[in-house]
Amino acid sequence: MSEDLTKKICVPCQGGIPPLERGATAGYLEQTPGWELADGAGRIERKLTFGDFAETLAFVNRVGELAEAEGHHPDISFGWGYCDITLYTHKIGGLHENDFIMAAKINGLA
């Protein structure tokens, strides 16, 4: 797992594969600072803070553009000065390498 996650692209997941197990996430988490396992290691989450609503909205819009370009869409909750992002692969009901690729790229936007 030495390859930089930001250099990878999300590959469409058709399902039918098992999600990553907790032990397999350690190396990915090292490459995605600020992200934490959630939901029994079935998701990753990051909470970010901003100076005001406009700054938060601008960030959320950049994340949305990235998600469309990668074809991998996070769950986003935001309001005045905060943004909570959750990533997991819906088709497999858990984590996939794609989630960590997106997390690394979102970190680049933060």
PDB file of N, CA and C in Angstrom:
ATOM      1  N   MET A   1       0.832  -1.184   0.000  1.00  0.00           N
ATOM      2  CA  MET A   1       0.000   0.000   0.000  1.00  0.00           C
ATOM      3  C   MET A   1       0.878   1.249   0.000  1.00  0.00           C
ATOM      4  N   SER A   2       1.981   1.173  -0.705  1.00  0.00           N
ATOM      5  CA  SER A   2       2.893   2.308  -0.731  1.00  0.00           C
ATOM      6  C   SER A   2       2.488   3.358  -1.760  1.00  0.00           C
ATOM      7  N   GLU A   3       1.595   3.005  -2.670  1.00  0.00           N
ATOM      8  CA  GLU A   3       1.175   3.960  -3.690  1.00  0.00           C
ATOM      9  C   GLU A   3       0.312   5.061  -3.075  1.00  0.00           C
ATOM     10  N   ASP A   4       0.595   6.293  -3.467  1.00  0.00           N
ATOM     11  CA  ASP A   4      -0.148   7.458  -2.992  1.00  0.00           C
ATOM     12  C   ASP A   4      -1.610   7.336  -3.411  1.00  0.00           C
ATOM     13  N   LEU A   5      -2.512   7.346  -2.432  1.00  0.00           N
ATOM     14  CA  LEU A   5      -3.939   7.198  -2.728  1.00  0.00           C
ATOM     15  C   LEU A   5      -4.464   8.318  -3.617  1.00  0.00           C
ATOM     16  N   THR A   6      -3.891   9.510  -3.516  1.00  0.00           N
ATOM     17  CA  THR A   6      -4.381  10.624  -4.325  1.00  0.00           C
ATOM     18  C   THR A   6      -4.062  10.447  -5.805  1.00  0.00           C
ATOM     19  N   LYS A   7      -3.175   9.529  -6.124  1.00  0.00           N
ATOM     20  CA  LYS A   7      -2.819   9.264  -7.524  1.00  0.00           C
ATOM     21  C   LYS A   7      -3.733   8.205  -8.150  1.00  0.00           C
ATOM     22  N   LYS A   8      -4.513   7.531  -7.314  1.00  0.00           N
ATOM     23  CA  LYS A   8      -5.417   6.485  -7.794  1.00  0.00           C
ATOM     24  C   LYS A   8      -6.769   7.090  -8.161  1.00  0.00           C
ATOM     25  N   ILE A   9      -7.562   6.332  -8.896  1.00  0.00           N
ATOM     26  CA  ILE A   9      -8.928   6.741  -9.205  1.00  0.00           C
ATOM     27  C   ILE A   9      -9.879   5.699  -8.630  1.00  0.00           C
ATOM     28  N   CYS A  10     -11.081   6.135  -8.332  1.00  0.00           N
ATOM     29  CA  CYS A  10     -12.098   5.206  -7.838  1.00  0.00           C
ATOM     30  C   CYS A  10     -12.557   4.326  -9.000  1.00  0.00           C
ATOM     31  N   VAL A  11     -12.576   3.018  -8.738  1.00  0.00           N
ATOM     32  CA  VAL A  11     -13.020   2.052  -9.726  1.00  0.00           C
ATOM     33  C   VAL A  11     -14.439   1.638  -9.354  1.00  0.00           C
ATOM     34  N   PRO A  12     -15.376   1.695 -10.298  1.00  0.00           N
ATOM     35  CA  PRO A  12     -16.752   1.337  -9.955  1.00  0.00           C
ATOM     36  C   PRO A  12     -16.838  -0.049  -9.309  1.00  0.00           C
ATOM     37  N   CYS A  13     -17.549  -0.115  -8.207  1.00  0.00           N
ATOM     38  CA  CYS A  13     -17.737  -1.366  -7.479  1.00  0.00           C
ATOM     39  C   CYS A  13     -19.110  -1.923  -7.840  1.00  0.00           C
ATOM     40  N   GLN A  14     -19.132  -3.129  -8.338  1.00  0.00           N
ATOM     41  CA  GLN A  14     -20.385  -3.756  -8.753  1.00  0.00           C
ATOM     42  C   GLN A  14     -21.003  -4.598  -7.639  1.00  0.00           C
ATOM     43  N   GLY A  15     -20.332  -4.630  -6.494  1.00  0.00           N
ATOM     44  CA  GLY A  15     -20.837  -5.457  -5.404  1.00  0.00           C
ATOM     45  C   GLY A  15     -20.307  -6.875  -5.529  1.00  0.00           C
ATOM     46  N   GLY A  16     -20.803  -7.749  -4.682  1.00  0.00           N
ATOM     47  CA  GLY A  16     -20.398  -9.138  -4.734  1.00  0.00           C
ATOM     48  C   GLY A  16     -19.025  -9.418  -4.133  1.00  0.00           C
ATOM     49  N   ILE A  17     -18.417  -8.424  -3.513  1.00  0.00           N
ATOM     50  CA  ILE A  17     -17.145  -8.627  -2.830  1.00  0.00           C
ATOM     51  C   ILE A  17     -17.326  -8.236  -1.371  1.00  0.00           C
ATOM     52  N   PRO A  18     -16.535  -8.827  -0.493  1.00  0.00           N
ATOM     53  CA  PRO A  18     -16.691  -8.459   0.919  1.00  0.00           C
ATOM     54  C   PRO A  18     -16.059  -7.097   1.196  1.00  0.00           C
ATOM     55  N   PRO A  19     -16.593  -6.369   2.164  1.00  0.00           N
ATOM     56  CA  PRO A  19     -15.957  -5.117   2.569  1.00  0.00           C
ATOM     57  C   PRO A  19     -14.630  -5.403   3.266  1.00  0.00           C
ATOM     58  N   LEU A  20     -13.792  -4.393   3.361  1.00  0.00           N
ATOM     59  CA  LEU A  20     -12.524  -4.528   4.077  1.00  0.00           C
ATOM     60  C   LEU A  20     -12.791  -4.855   5.541  1.00  0.00           C
ATOM     61  N   GLU A  21     -11.966  -5.717   6.084  1.00  0.00           N
ATOM     62  CA  GLU A  21     -12.051  -6.009   7.513  1.00  0.00           C
ATOM     63  C   GLU A  21     -11.265  -4.953   8.277  1.00  0.00           C
ATOM     64  N   ARG A  22     -11.561  -4.805   9.541  1.00  0.00           N
ATOM     65  CA  ARG A  22     -10.926  -3.781  10.383  1.00  0.00           C
ATOM     66  C   ARG A  22      -9.404  -3.795  10.234  1.00  0.00           C
ATOM     67  N   GLY A  23      -8.784  -4.947  10.275  1.00  0.00           N
ATOM     68  CA  GLY A  23      -7.325  -5.039  10.185  1.00  0.00           C
ATOM     69  C   GLY A  23      -6.775  -4.513   8.872  1.00  0.00           C
ATOM     70  N   ALA A  24      -7.531  -4.637   7.822  1.00  0.00           N
ATOM     71  CA  ALA A  24      -7.079  -4.193   6.506  1.00  0.00           C
ATOM     72  C   ALA A  24      -7.157  -2.683   6.343  1.00  0.00           C
ATOM     73  N   THR A  25      -7.808  -1.995   7.277  1.00  0.00           N
ATOM     74  CA  THR A  25      -7.969  -0.545   7.153  1.00  0.00           C
ATOM     75  C   THR A  25      -6.796   0.241   7.726  1.00  0.00           C
ATOM     76  N   ALA A  26      -5.950  -0.385   8.520  1.00  0.00           N
ATOM     77  CA  ALA A  26      -4.884   0.334   9.231  1.00  0.00           C
ATOM     78  C   ALA A  26      -3.965   1.100   8.282  1.00  0.00           C
ATOM     79  N   GLY A  27      -3.485   0.457   7.249  1.00  0.00           N
ATOM     80  CA  GLY A  27      -2.590   1.117   6.303  1.00  0.00           C
ATOM     81  C   GLY A  27      -3.267   2.265   5.576  1.00  0.00           C
ATOM     82  N   TYR A  28      -4.541   2.086   5.268  1.00  0.00           N
ATOM     83  CA  TYR A  28      -5.289   3.158   4.609  1.00  0.00           C
ATOM     84  C   TYR A  28      -5.487   4.346   5.552  1.00  0.00           C
ATOM     85  N   LEU A  29      -5.782   4.068   6.801  1.00  0.00           N
ATOM     86  CA  LEU A  29      -5.993   5.152   7.766  1.00  0.00           C
ATOM     87  C   LEU A  29      -4.717   5.967   7.982  1.00  0.00           C
ATOM     88  N   GLU A  30      -3.554   5.315   7.884  1.00  0.00           N
ATOM     89  CA  GLU A  30      -2.290   6.040   8.011  1.00  0.00           C
ATOM     90  C   GLU A  30      -2.143   7.075   6.893  1.00  0.00           C
ATOM     91  N   GLN A  31      -2.727   6.788   5.733  1.00  0.00           N
ATOM     92  CA  GLN A  31      -2.618   7.679   4.579  1.00  0.00           C
ATOM     93  C   GLN A  31      -3.748   8.710   4.522  1.00  0.00           C
ATOM     94  N   THR A  32      -4.677   8.639   5.473  1.00  0.00           N
ATOM     95  CA  THR A  32      -5.818   9.554   5.466  1.00  0.00           C
ATOM     96  C   THR A  32      -5.994  10.183   6.844  1.00  0.00           C
ATOM     97  N   PRO A  33      -5.061  11.048   7.246  1.00  0.00           N
ATOM     98  CA  PRO A  33      -5.160  11.661   8.570  1.00  0.00           C
ATOM     99  C   PRO A  33      -6.456  12.448   8.739  1.00  0.00           C
ATOM    100  N   GLY A  34      -6.992  12.386   9.947  1.00  0.00           N
ATOM    101  CA  GLY A  34      -8.234  13.087  10.263  1.00  0.00           C
ATOM    102  C   GLY A  34      -9.466  12.209  10.118  1.00  0.00           C
ATOM    103  N   TRP A  35      -9.329  11.082   9.442  1.00  0.00           N
ATOM    104  CA  TRP A  35     -10.458  10.169   9.249  1.00  0.00           C
ATOM    105  C   TRP A  35     -10.419   9.104  10.330  1.00  0.00           C
ATOM    106  N   GLU A  36     -11.613   8.701  10.768  1.00  0.00           N
ATOM    107  CA  GLU A  36     -11.730   7.691  11.821  1.00  0.00           C
ATOM    108  C   GLU A  36     -12.715   6.610  11.397  1.00  0.00           C
ATOM    109  N   LEU A  37     -12.457   5.399  11.879  1.00  0.00           N
ATOM    110  CA  LEU A  37     -13.409   4.317  11.652  1.00  0.00           C
ATOM    111  C   LEU A  37     -14.680   4.591  12.436  1.00  0.00           C
ATOM    112  N   ALA A  38     -15.797   4.204  11.875  1.00  0.00           N
ATOM    113  CA  ALA A  38     -17.091   4.358  12.532  1.00  0.00           C
ATOM    114  C   ALA A  38     -17.952   3.148  12.199  1.00  0.00           C
ATOM    115  N   ASP A  39     -19.039   2.996  12.907  1.00  0.00           N
ATOM    116  CA  ASP A  39     -20.016   1.950  12.626  1.00  0.00           C
ATOM    117  C   ASP A  39     -19.360   0.570  12.584  1.00  0.00           C
ATOM    118  N   GLY A  40     -18.577   0.257  13.616  1.00  0.00           N
ATOM    119  CA  GLY A  40     -17.938  -1.052  13.675  1.00  0.00           C
ATOM    120  C   GLY A  40     -16.971  -1.305  12.544  1.00  0.00           C
ATOM    121  N   ALA A  41     -16.284  -0.287  12.085  1.00  0.00           N
ATOM    122  CA  ALA A  41     -15.314  -0.338  10.978  1.00  0.00           C
ATOM    123  C   ALA A  41     -15.994  -0.500   9.623  1.00  0.00           C
ATOM    124  N   GLY A  42     -17.280  -0.146   9.556  1.00  0.00           N
ATOM    125  CA  GLY A  42     -17.999  -0.227   8.288  1.00  0.00           C
ATOM    126  C   GLY A  42     -18.012   1.078   7.516  1.00  0.00           C
ATOM    127  N   ARG A  43     -17.520   2.156   8.147  1.00  0.00           N
ATOM    128  CA  ARG A  43     -17.505   3.485   7.525  1.00  0.00           C
ATOM    129  C   ARG A  43     -16.295   4.252   8.043  1.00  0.00           C
ATOM    130  N   ILE A  44     -15.947   5.327   7.332  1.00  0.00           N
ATOM    131  CA  ILE A  44     -14.981   6.280   7.856  1.00  0.00           C
ATOM    132  C   ILE A  44     -15.642   7.649   7.864  1.00  0.00           C
ATOM    133  N   GLU A  45     -15.247   8.457   8.855  1.00  0.00           N
ATOM    134  CA  GLU A  45     -15.853   9.776   9.022  1.00  0.00           C
ATOM    135  C   GLU A  45     -14.773  10.811   9.303  1.00  0.00           C
ATOM    136  N   ARG A  46     -15.073  12.038   8.904  1.00  0.00           N
ATOM    137  CA  ARG A  46     -14.220  13.170   9.248  1.00  0.00           C
ATOM    138  C   ARG A  46     -15.105  14.372   9.524  1.00  0.00           C
ATOM    139  N   LYS A  47     -14.761  15.091  10.569  1.00  0.00           N
ATOM    140  CA  LYS A  47     -15.462  16.322  10.933  1.00  0.00           C
ATOM    141  C   LYS A  47     -14.516  17.479  10.672  1.00  0.00           C
ATOM    142  N   LEU A  48     -14.979  18.480   9.941  1.00  0.00           N
ATOM    143  CA  LEU A  48     -14.163  19.650   9.624  1.00  0.00           C
ATOM    144  C   LEU A  48     -14.868  20.909  10.106  1.00  0.00           C
ATOM    145  N   THR A  49     -14.084  21.924  10.437  1.00  0.00           N
ATOM    146  CA  THR A  49     -14.653  23.197  10.847  1.00  0.00           C
ATOM    147  C   THR A  49     -14.140  24.306   9.942  1.00  0.00           C
ATOM    148  N   PHE A  50     -14.963  25.334   9.793  1.00  0.00           N
ATOM    149  CA  PHE A  50     -14.669  26.465   8.922  1.00  0.00           C
ATOM    150  C   PHE A  50     -15.076  27.749   9.622  1.00  0.00           C
ATOM    151  N   GLY A  51     -14.669  28.869   9.064  1.00  0.00           N
ATOM    152  CA  GLY A  51     -14.912  30.162   9.674  1.00  0.00           C
ATOM    153  C   GLY A  51     -16.324  30.673   9.570  1.00  0.00           C
ATOM    154  N   ASP A  52     -17.059  30.228   8.544  1.00  0.00           N
ATOM    155  CA  ASP A  52     -18.431  30.702   8.371  1.00  0.00           C
ATOM    156  C   ASP A  52     -19.171  29.788   7.394  1.00  0.00           C
ATOM    157  N   PHE A  53     -20.411  30.116   7.134  1.00  0.00           N
ATOM    158  CA  PHE A  53     -21.231  29.286   6.259  1.00  0.00           C
ATOM    159  C   PHE A  53     -20.719  29.291   4.827  1.00  0.00           C
ATOM    160  N   ALA A  54     -20.339  30.455   4.318  1.00  0.00           N
ATOM    161  CA  ALA A  54     -19.887  30.550   2.918  1.00  0.00           C
ATOM    162  C   ALA A  54     -18.647  29.693   2.682  1.00  0.00           C
ATOM    163  N   GLU A  55     -17.732  29.705   3.613  1.00  0.00           N
ATOM    164  CA  GLU A  55     -16.513  28.902   3.490  1.00  0.00           C
ATOM    165  C   GLU A  55     -16.860  27.406   3.511  1.00  0.00           C
ATOM    166  N   THR A  56     -17.783  27.046   4.393  1.00  0.00           N
ATOM    167  CA  THR A  56     -18.220  25.649   4.476  1.00  0.00           C
ATOM    168  C   THR A  56     -18.884  25.220   3.179  1.00  0.00           C
ATOM    169  N   LEU A  57     -19.785  26.030   2.671  1.00  0.00           N
ATOM    170  CA  LEU A  57     -20.494  25.709   1.435  1.00  0.00           C
ATOM    171  C   LEU A  57     -19.528  25.583   0.259  1.00  0.00           C
ATOM    172  N   ALA A  58     -18.543  26.457   0.177  1.00  0.00           N
ATOM    173  CA  ALA A  58     -17.557  26.380  -0.900  1.00  0.00           C
ATOM    174  C   ALA A  58     -16.803  25.053  -0.841  1.00  0.00           C
ATOM    175  N   PHE A  59     -16.447  24.620   0.366  1.00  0.00           N
ATOM    176  CA  PHE A  59     -15.767  23.334   0.531  1.00  0.00           C
ATOM    177  C   PHE A  59     -16.669  22.180   0.111  1.00  0.00           C
ATOM    178  N   VAL A  60     -17.916  22.198   0.571  1.00  0.00           N
ATOM    179  CA  VAL A  60     -18.863  21.138   0.224  1.00  0.00           C
ATOM    180  C   VAL A  60     -19.046  21.069  -1.293  1.00  0.00           C
ATOM    181  N   ASN A  61     -19.103  22.194  -1.946  1.00  0.00           N
ATOM    182  CA  ASN A  61     -19.234  22.200  -3.418  1.00  0.00           C
ATOM    183  C   ASN A  61     -18.012  21.584  -4.088  1.00  0.00           C
ATOM    184  N   ARG A  62     -16.820  21.853  -3.559  1.00  0.00           N
ATOM    185  CA  ARG A  62     -15.605  21.243  -4.122  1.00  0.00           C
ATOM    186  C   ARG A  62     -15.630  19.724  -3.924  1.00  0.00           C
ATOM    187  N   VAL A  63     -16.085  19.284  -2.752  1.00  0.00           N
ATOM    188  CA  VAL A  63     -16.201  17.847  -2.496  1.00  0.00           C
ATOM    189  C   VAL A  63     -17.212  17.229  -3.472  1.00  0.00           C
ATOM    190  N   GLY A  64     -18.321  17.926  -3.708  1.00  0.00           N
ATOM    191  CA  GLY A  64     -19.328  17.434  -4.653  1.00  0.00           C
ATOM    192  C   GLY A  64     -18.772  17.293  -6.061  1.00  0.00           C
ATOM    193  N   GLU A  65     -17.979  18.258  -6.495  1.00  0.00           N
ATOM    194  CA  GLU A  65     -17.360  18.181  -7.825  1.00  0.00           C
ATOM    195  C   GLU A  65     -16.391  17.004  -7.906  1.00  0.00           C
ATOM    196  N   LEU A  66     -15.616  16.810  -6.853  1.00  0.00           N
ATOM    197  CA  LEU A  66     -14.702  15.671  -6.794  1.00  0.00           C
ATOM    198  C   LEU A  66     -15.476  14.354  -6.842  1.00  0.00           C
ATOM    199  N   ALA A  67     -16.553  14.268  -6.074  1.00  0.00           N
ATOM    200  CA  ALA A  67     -17.360  13.047  -6.029  1.00  0.00           C
ATOM    201  C   ALA A  67     -17.922  12.714  -7.405  1.00  0.00           C
ATOM    202  N   GLU A  68     -18.394  13.718  -8.113  1.00  0.00           N
ATOM    203  CA  GLU A  68     -18.918  13.487  -9.465  1.00  0.00           C
ATOM    204  C   GLU A  68     -17.804  13.016 -10.399  1.00  0.00           C
ATOM    205  N   ALA A  69     -16.634  13.621 -10.295  1.00  0.00           N
ATOM    206  CA  ALA A  69     -15.507  13.244 -11.157  1.00  0.00           C
ATOM    207  C   ALA A  69     -15.048  11.818 -10.877  1.00  0.00           C
ATOM    208  N   GLU A  70     -15.080  11.410  -9.605  1.00  0.00           N
ATOM    209  CA  GLU A  70     -14.622  10.073  -9.216  1.00  0.00           C
ATOM    210  C   GLU A  70     -15.730   9.027  -9.313  1.00  0.00           C
ATOM    211  N   GLY A  71     -16.976   9.460  -9.380  1.00  0.00           N
ATOM    212  CA  GLY A  71     -18.080   8.498  -9.395  1.00  0.00           C
ATOM    213  C   GLY A  71     -18.250   7.792  -8.064  1.00  0.00           C
ATOM    214  N   HIS A  72     -17.865   8.471  -6.982  1.00  0.00           N
ATOM    215  CA  HIS A  72     -17.961   7.880  -5.642  1.00  0.00           C
ATOM    216  C   HIS A  72     -18.431   8.991  -4.706  1.00  0.00           C
ATOM    217  N   HIS A  73     -19.587   8.807  -4.116  1.00  0.00           N
ATOM    218  CA  HIS A  73     -20.279   9.905  -3.439  1.00  0.00           C
ATOM    219  C   HIS A  73     -20.381   9.712  -1.933  1.00  0.00           C
ATOM    220  N   PRO A  74     -19.859  10.671  -1.164  1.00  0.00           N
ATOM    221  CA  PRO A  74     -19.951  10.593   0.294  1.00  0.00           C
ATOM    222  C   PRO A  74     -21.300  11.084   0.798  1.00  0.00           C
ATOM    223  N   ASP A  75     -21.579  10.781   2.040  1.00  0.00           N
ATOM    224  CA  ASP A  75     -22.701  11.399   2.741  1.00  0.00           C
ATOM    225  C   ASP A  75     -22.133  12.642   3.420  1.00  0.00           C
ATOM    226  N   ILE A  76     -22.777  13.779   3.216  1.00  0.00           N
ATOM    227  CA  ILE A  76     -22.276  15.044   3.741  1.00  0.00           C
ATOM    228  C   ILE A  76     -23.376  15.737   4.531  1.00  0.00           C
ATOM    229  N   SER A  77     -23.012  16.193   5.725  1.00  0.00           N
ATOM    230  CA  SER A  77     -23.900  17.013   6.541  1.00  0.00           C
ATOM    231  C   SER A  77     -23.121  18.282   6.859  1.00  0.00           C
ATOM    232  N   PHE A  78     -23.768  19.447   6.664  1.00  0.00           N
ATOM    233  CA  PHE A  78     -23.036  20.678   6.938  1.00  0.00           C
ATOM    234  C   PHE A  78     -23.973  21.784   7.364  1.00  0.00           C
ATOM    235  N   GLY A  79     -23.380  22.806   7.959  1.00  0.00           N
ATOM    236  CA  GLY A  79     -24.106  23.985   8.402  1.00  0.00           C
ATOM    237  C   GLY A  79     -23.103  25.090   8.655  1.00  0.00           C
ATOM    238  N   TRP A  80     -23.476  26.058   9.438  1.00  0.00           N
ATOM    239  CA  TRP A  80     -22.616  27.198   9.693  1.00  0.00           C
ATOM    240  C   TRP A  80     -21.330  26.740  10.385  1.00  0.00           C
ATOM    241  N   GLY A  81     -20.221  26.755   9.638  1.00  0.00           N
ATOM    242  CA  GLY A  81     -18.908  26.473  10.198  1.00  0.00           C
ATOM    243  C   GLY A  81     -18.540  25.022  10.406  1.00  0.00           C
ATOM    244  N   TYR A  82     -19.369  24.087   9.949  1.00  0.00           N
ATOM    245  CA  TYR A  82     -18.997  22.677  10.126  1.00  0.00           C
ATOM    246  C   TYR A  82     -19.411  21.846   8.915  1.00  0.00           C
ATOM    247  N   CYS A  83     -18.690  20.740   8.747  1.00  0.00           N
ATOM    248  CA  CYS A  83     -19.002  19.779   7.695  1.00  0.00           C
ATOM    249  C   CYS A  83     -18.601  18.402   8.205  1.00  0.00           C
ATOM    250  N   ASP A  84     -19.542  17.457   8.193  1.00  0.00           N
ATOM    251  CA  ASP A  84     -19.291  16.074   8.570  1.00  0.00           C
ATOM    252  C   ASP A  84     -19.414  15.222   7.311  1.00  0.00           C
ATOM    253  N   ILE A  85     -18.394  14.414   7.052  1.00  0.00           N
ATOM    254  CA  ILE A  85     -18.386  13.580   5.849  1.00  0.00           C
ATOM    255  C   ILE A  85     -18.252  12.125   6.258  1.00  0.00           C
ATOM    256  N   THR A  86     -19.074  11.280   5.660  1.00  0.00           N
ATOM    257  CA  THR A  86     -19.024   9.840   5.893  1.00  0.00           C
ATOM    258  C   THR A  86     -18.821   9.147   4.551  1.00  0.00           C
ATOM    259  N   LEU A  87     -17.908   8.201   4.543  1.00  0.00           N
ATOM    260  CA  LEU A  87     -17.644   7.412   3.344  1.00  0.00           C
ATOM    261  C   LEU A  87     -17.802   5.929   3.634  1.00  0.00           C
ATOM    262  N   TYR A  88     -18.454   5.248   2.727  1.00  0.00           N
ATOM    263  CA  TYR A  88     -18.501   3.790   2.686  1.00  0.00           C
ATOM    264  C   TYR A  88     -19.060   3.422   1.323  1.00  0.00           C
ATOM    265  N   THR A  89     -18.891   2.182   0.947  1.00  0.00           N
ATOM    266  CA  THR A  89     -19.361   1.736  -0.359  1.00  0.00           C
ATOM    267  C   THR A  89     -20.709   1.056  -0.187  1.00  0.00           C
ATOM    268  N   HIS A  90     -21.730   1.723  -0.663  1.00  0.00           N
ATOM    269  CA  HIS A  90     -23.106   1.257  -0.474  1.00  0.00           C
ATOM    270  C   HIS A  90     -23.319  -0.151  -1.018  1.00  0.00           C
ATOM    271  N   LYS A  91     -22.760  -0.459  -2.188  1.00  0.00           N
ATOM    272  CA  LYS A  91     -23.023  -1.755  -2.825  1.00  0.00           C
ATOM    273  C   LYS A  91     -22.512  -2.946  -2.029  1.00  0.00           C
ATOM    274  N   ILE A  92     -21.509  -2.715  -1.168  1.00  0.00           N
ATOM    275  CA  ILE A  92     -20.995  -3.824  -0.370  1.00  0.00           C
ATOM    276  C   ILE A  92     -21.276  -3.629   1.123  1.00  0.00           C
ATOM    277  N   GLY A  93     -21.898  -2.521   1.467  1.00  0.00           N
ATOM    278  CA  GLY A  93     -22.277  -2.271   2.857  1.00  0.00           C
ATOM    279  C   GLY A  93     -21.093  -2.117   3.798  1.00  0.00           C
ATOM    280  N   GLY A  94     -20.006  -1.577   3.285  1.00  0.00           N
ATOM    281  CA  GLY A  94     -18.824  -1.390   4.123  1.00  0.00           C
ATOM    282  C   GLY A  94     -17.740  -0.656   3.364  1.00  0.00           C
ATOM    283  N   LEU A  95     -16.524  -0.811   3.830  1.00  0.00           N
ATOM    284  CA  LEU A  95     -15.410  -0.068   3.268  1.00  0.00           C
ATOM    285  C   LEU A  95     -14.717  -0.794   2.126  1.00  0.00           C
ATOM    286  N   HIS A  96     -14.274  -0.003   1.165  1.00  0.00           N
ATOM    287  CA  HIS A  96     -13.536  -0.456  -0.020  1.00  0.00           C
ATOM    288  C   HIS A  96     -12.376   0.513  -0.191  1.00  0.00           C
ATOM    289  N   GLU A  97     -11.381   0.149  -0.946  1.00  0.00           N
ATOM    290  CA  GLU A  97     -10.260   1.057  -1.205  1.00  0.00           C
ATOM    291  C   GLU A  97     -10.748   2.402  -1.736  1.00  0.00           C
ATOM    292  N   ASN A  98     -11.818   2.402  -2.529  1.00  0.00           N
ATOM    293  CA  ASN A  98     -12.365   3.653  -3.076  1.00  0.00           C
ATOM    294  C   ASN A  98     -12.666   4.680  -1.989  1.00  0.00           C
ATOM    295  N   ASP A  99     -13.130   4.224  -0.850  1.00  0.00           N
ATOM    296  CA  ASP A  99     -13.468   5.143   0.239  1.00  0.00           C
ATOM    297  C   ASP A  99     -12.224   5.872   0.737  1.00  0.00           C
ATOM    298  N   PHE A 100     -11.118   5.179   0.793  1.00  0.00           N
ATOM    299  CA  PHE A 100      -9.875   5.786   1.251  1.00  0.00           C
ATOM    300  C   PHE A 100      -9.252   6.667   0.167  1.00  0.00           C
ATOM    301  N   ILE A 101      -9.455   6.307  -1.092  1.00  0.00           N
ATOM    302  CA  ILE A 101      -9.012   7.180  -2.187  1.00  0.00           C
ATOM    303  C   ILE A 101      -9.745   8.505  -2.085  1.00  0.00           C
ATOM    304  N   MET A 102     -11.065   8.453  -1.911  1.00  0.00           N
ATOM    305  CA  MET A 102     -11.847   9.691  -1.767  1.00  0.00           C
ATOM    306  C   MET A 102     -11.424  10.470  -0.526  1.00  0.00           C
ATOM    307  N   ALA A 103     -11.198   9.773   0.587  1.00  0.00           N
ATOM    308  CA  ALA A 103     -10.791  10.457   1.811  1.00  0.00           C
ATOM    309  C   ALA A 103      -9.470  11.199   1.602  1.00  0.00           C
ATOM    310  N   ALA A 104      -8.521  10.570   0.938  1.00  0.00           N
ATOM    311  CA  ALA A 104      -7.230  11.211   0.687  1.00  0.00           C
ATOM    312  C   ALA A 104      -7.409  12.442  -0.216  1.00  0.00           C
ATOM    313  N   LYS A 105      -8.260  12.320  -1.209  1.00  0.00           N
ATOM    314  CA  LYS A 105      -8.479  13.445  -2.120  1.00  0.00           C
ATOM    315  C   LYS A 105      -9.262  14.573  -1.434  1.00  0.00           C
ATOM    316  N   ILE A 106     -10.196  14.223  -0.569  1.00  0.00           N
ATOM    317  CA  ILE A 106     -10.918  15.246   0.202  1.00  0.00           C
ATOM    318  C   ILE A 106      -9.940  15.961   1.133  1.00  0.00           C
ATOM    319  N   ASN A 107      -9.014  15.224   1.716  1.00  0.00           N
ATOM    320  CA  ASN A 107      -7.998  15.859   2.557  1.00  0.00           C
ATOM    321  C   ASN A 107      -7.232  16.916   1.772  1.00  0.00           C
ATOM    322  N   GLY A 108      -6.996  16.656   0.503  1.00  0.00           N
ATOM    323  CA  GLY A 108      -6.291  17.614  -0.341  1.00  0.00           C
ATOM    324  C   GLY A 108      -7.087  18.891  -0.583  1.00  0.00           C
ATOM    325  N   LEU A 109      -8.406  18.806  -0.429  1.00  0.00           N
ATOM    326  CA  LEU A 109      -9.265  19.973  -0.601  1.00  0.00           C
ATOM    327  C   LEU A 109      -9.403  20.788   0.685  1.00  0.00           C
ATOM    328  N   ALA A 110      -9.200  20.119   1.815  1.00  0.00           N
ATOM    329  CA  ALA A 110      -9.446  20.745   3.130  1.00  0.00           C
ATOM    330  C   ALA A 110      -8.409  21.807   3.460  1.00  0.00           C
TER     331      ALA A 110
END
